[in-house]
Protein backbone atom coordinates (compact mmCIF):
# COMPACT_ATOMS: atom_id res chain seq x y z
CA UNK A 1 62.54 -68.77 -44.83
CA UNK A 2 65.06 -70.40 -47.13
CA UNK A 3 68.73 -70.30 -46.34
CA UNK A 4 69.92 -68.21 -49.26
CA UNK A 5 67.30 -65.52 -48.44
CA UNK A 6 68.73 -65.18 -44.94
CA UNK A 7 72.22 -64.78 -46.37
CA UNK A 8 70.96 -62.20 -48.89
CA UNK A 9 69.18 -60.28 -46.08
CA UNK A 10 72.31 -60.27 -43.93
CA UNK A 11 74.49 -59.18 -46.83
CA UNK A 12 72.11 -56.37 -47.71
CA UNK A 13 72.04 -55.22 -44.08
CA UNK A 14 75.86 -55.28 -43.87
CA UNK A 15 76.14 -53.24 -47.04
CA UNK A 16 73.47 -50.75 -45.77
CA UNK A 17 75.42 -50.36 -42.48
CA UNK A 18 78.68 -49.79 -44.34
CA UNK A 19 76.99 -47.30 -46.61
CA UNK A 20 75.76 -45.40 -43.65
CA UNK A 21 79.29 -45.19 -42.23
CA UNK A 22 80.60 -44.11 -45.68
CA UNK A 23 78.02 -41.30 -45.83
CA UNK A 24 78.83 -40.06 -42.30
CA UNK A 25 82.59 -40.02 -43.06
CA UNK A 26 82.17 -38.35 -46.44
CA UNK A 27 80.03 -35.65 -44.77
CA UNK A 28 82.62 -35.18 -41.97
CA UNK A 29 85.46 -34.81 -44.47
CA UNK A 30 83.42 -32.30 -46.55
CA UNK A 31 82.53 -30.36 -43.44
CA UNK A 32 86.06 -30.25 -42.11
CA UNK A 33 87.40 -29.14 -45.45
CA UNK A 34 84.89 -26.39 -45.70
CA UNK A 35 85.69 -25.27 -42.18
CA UNK A 36 89.44 -25.36 -42.85
CA UNK A 37 88.99 -23.42 -46.11
CA UNK A 38 86.67 -20.84 -44.63
CA UNK A 39 88.90 -20.20 -41.63
CA UNK A 40 90.32 -16.74 -42.21
CA UNK A 41 93.74 -15.92 -40.90
CA UNK A 42 93.34 -14.15 -37.52
CA UNK A 43 95.78 -11.73 -35.95
CA UNK A 44 97.04 -14.55 -33.84
CA UNK A 45 98.98 -16.55 -36.39
CA UNK A 46 99.82 -19.48 -34.14
CA UNK A 47 96.23 -20.06 -33.29
CA UNK A 48 95.25 -20.06 -36.94
CA UNK A 49 98.04 -22.47 -37.84
CA UNK A 50 97.17 -24.81 -34.94
CA UNK A 51 93.45 -24.77 -36.02
CA UNK A 52 94.42 -25.61 -39.64
CA UNK A 53 96.74 -28.36 -38.49
CA UNK A 54 94.03 -29.89 -36.26
CA UNK A 55 91.56 -29.81 -39.18
CA UNK A 56 94.17 -31.50 -41.42
CA UNK A 57 94.74 -34.24 -38.85
CA UNK A 58 90.97 -34.72 -38.57
CA UNK A 59 90.53 -34.91 -42.38
CA UNK A 60 93.38 -37.43 -42.66
CA UNK A 61 91.88 -39.65 -39.87
CA UNK A 62 88.46 -39.62 -41.57
CA UNK A 63 89.98 -40.28 -44.99
CA UNK A 64 91.80 -43.32 -43.61
CA UNK A 65 88.62 -44.64 -42.00
CA UNK A 66 86.72 -44.09 -45.30
CA UNK A 67 89.33 -46.05 -47.26
CA UNK A 68 89.08 -48.89 -44.86
CA UNK A 69 85.31 -49.04 -44.93
CA UNK A 70 85.28 -48.76 -48.73
CA UNK A 71 87.69 -51.69 -48.79
CA UNK A 72 85.39 -53.63 -46.45
CA UNK A 73 82.36 -52.85 -48.67
CA UNK A 74 84.28 -54.01 -51.75
CA UNK A 75 85.14 -57.33 -50.02
CA UNK A 76 81.53 -58.06 -48.77
CA UNK A 77 80.19 -57.41 -52.31
CA UNK A 78 82.15 -60.45 -53.42
CA UNK A 79 80.01 -62.73 -51.15
CA UNK A 80 77.95 -65.03 -53.27
CA UNK A 81 74.66 -65.53 -51.48
CA UNK A 82 73.90 -68.79 -53.40
CA UNK A 83 77.32 -70.38 -52.49
CA UNK A 84 77.17 -73.13 -49.93
CA UNK A 85 80.16 -74.67 -48.24
CA UNK A 86 80.75 -77.56 -45.84
CA UNK A 87 83.31 -75.44 -43.98
CA UNK A 88 83.01 -72.07 -42.31
CA UNK A 89 84.55 -69.42 -44.57
CA UNK A 90 84.15 -65.74 -45.53
CA UNK A 91 80.49 -65.28 -46.42
CA UNK A 92 79.21 -68.14 -44.25
CA UNK A 93 76.17 -67.97 -42.02
CA UNK A 94 76.94 -70.16 -38.97
CA UNK A 95 74.43 -71.39 -36.52
CA UNK A 96 75.94 -72.50 -33.26
CA UNK A 97 74.74 -73.67 -29.84
CA UNK A 98 75.76 -70.13 -28.57
CA UNK A 99 74.43 -67.82 -31.26
CA UNK A 100 74.39 -67.19 -34.99
CA UNK A 101 77.18 -65.54 -36.97
CA UNK A 102 77.56 -64.00 -40.33
CA UNK A 103 81.21 -64.23 -41.32
CA UNK A 104 81.83 -60.93 -43.18
CA UNK A 105 83.03 -57.78 -41.41
CA UNK A 106 82.85 -56.76 -37.72
CA UNK A 107 79.60 -54.85 -37.34
CA UNK A 108 78.00 -56.50 -34.31
CA UNK A 109 74.46 -57.60 -33.85
CA UNK A 110 71.97 -57.66 -36.80
CA UNK A 111 68.34 -58.78 -36.44
CA UNK A 112 66.71 -60.68 -39.32
CA UNK A 113 63.14 -61.93 -38.84
CA UNK A 114 63.48 -61.70 -35.02
CA UNK A 115 66.62 -63.80 -35.14
CA UNK A 116 69.94 -62.30 -33.93
CA UNK A 117 73.10 -62.68 -35.98
CA UNK A 118 76.53 -61.34 -35.17
CA UNK A 119 78.40 -59.95 -38.10
CA UNK A 120 82.04 -60.84 -37.41
CA UNK A 121 85.27 -61.05 -39.31
CA UNK A 122 87.46 -64.08 -39.70
CA UNK A 123 90.24 -62.31 -37.76
CA UNK A 124 88.03 -61.78 -34.65
CA UNK A 125 88.76 -64.14 -31.79
CA UNK A 126 85.65 -66.23 -32.49
CA UNK A 127 86.14 -65.92 -36.28
CA UNK A 128 89.58 -67.45 -35.96
CA UNK A 129 88.15 -70.38 -34.02
CA UNK A 130 85.21 -70.95 -36.45
CA UNK A 131 87.27 -70.63 -39.59
CA UNK A 132 87.32 -73.89 -41.66
CA UNK A 133 85.21 -75.82 -39.08
CA UNK A 134 82.42 -78.06 -40.12
CA UNK A 135 78.88 -78.86 -38.89
CA UNK A 136 79.18 -80.90 -35.60
CA UNK A 137 82.60 -79.46 -34.69
CA UNK A 138 83.06 -78.09 -31.18
CA UNK A 139 85.12 -75.04 -30.33
CA UNK A 140 85.97 -73.56 -26.83
CA UNK A 141 85.34 -69.86 -26.58
CA UNK A 142 85.56 -67.84 -23.40
CA UNK A 143 85.19 -71.00 -21.34
CA UNK A 144 82.08 -72.19 -23.26
CA UNK A 145 81.83 -75.28 -25.43
CA UNK A 146 80.17 -74.22 -28.64
CA UNK A 147 78.85 -76.70 -31.28
CA UNK A 148 78.41 -75.70 -34.91
CA UNK A 149 74.85 -76.75 -35.83
CA UNK A 150 74.59 -75.53 -39.38
CA UNK A 151 76.53 -73.65 -42.09
CA UNK A 152 74.95 -71.81 -44.97
C-alpha cells in the first residue's frame, strides 16, 4: 500500500469519527431543546425552573463540545494527503519503534489494513515530543526510548 493512501485512509477515518460525534451532539442538543420546550409549567414552580435551568446547562455544554469538534474537523480537512515532510508536523503519519501515529486530533486507536495507528494531537504529551523531529531521532517517553523510523 502506498504511503499517501495510508494517510488518505487515516484522514477519512478521522473525519468519519468526528462526523459521528457531531451527529450525536446535534441530536442531543435537538432532543434537549425539544424536552425543554415541551416541559409544561407544573404547579411546583421551583421544580419547573430547576428542570429548565438544568436543560439549559446541558444544551450549553453540548453546544460548546459541538463547536470544538467542528473546529477540529475544519482543521483536519486542511491536511494535504500528498504532502510529505522531513519533520513531524500536523498531518504527518509517524512510524516509530513503539507504534504508529497520525498527528491530527486526539481520537485514539485507528486500524487501517490490520495496522494500528494512534490519532494524536501535537499538544498531547507524545505529540509534543514528536513535533519537528526527523527520521532516526530518538525520544524518551514514559521511560521508553522511541526511535522515529519513517514520516509520511
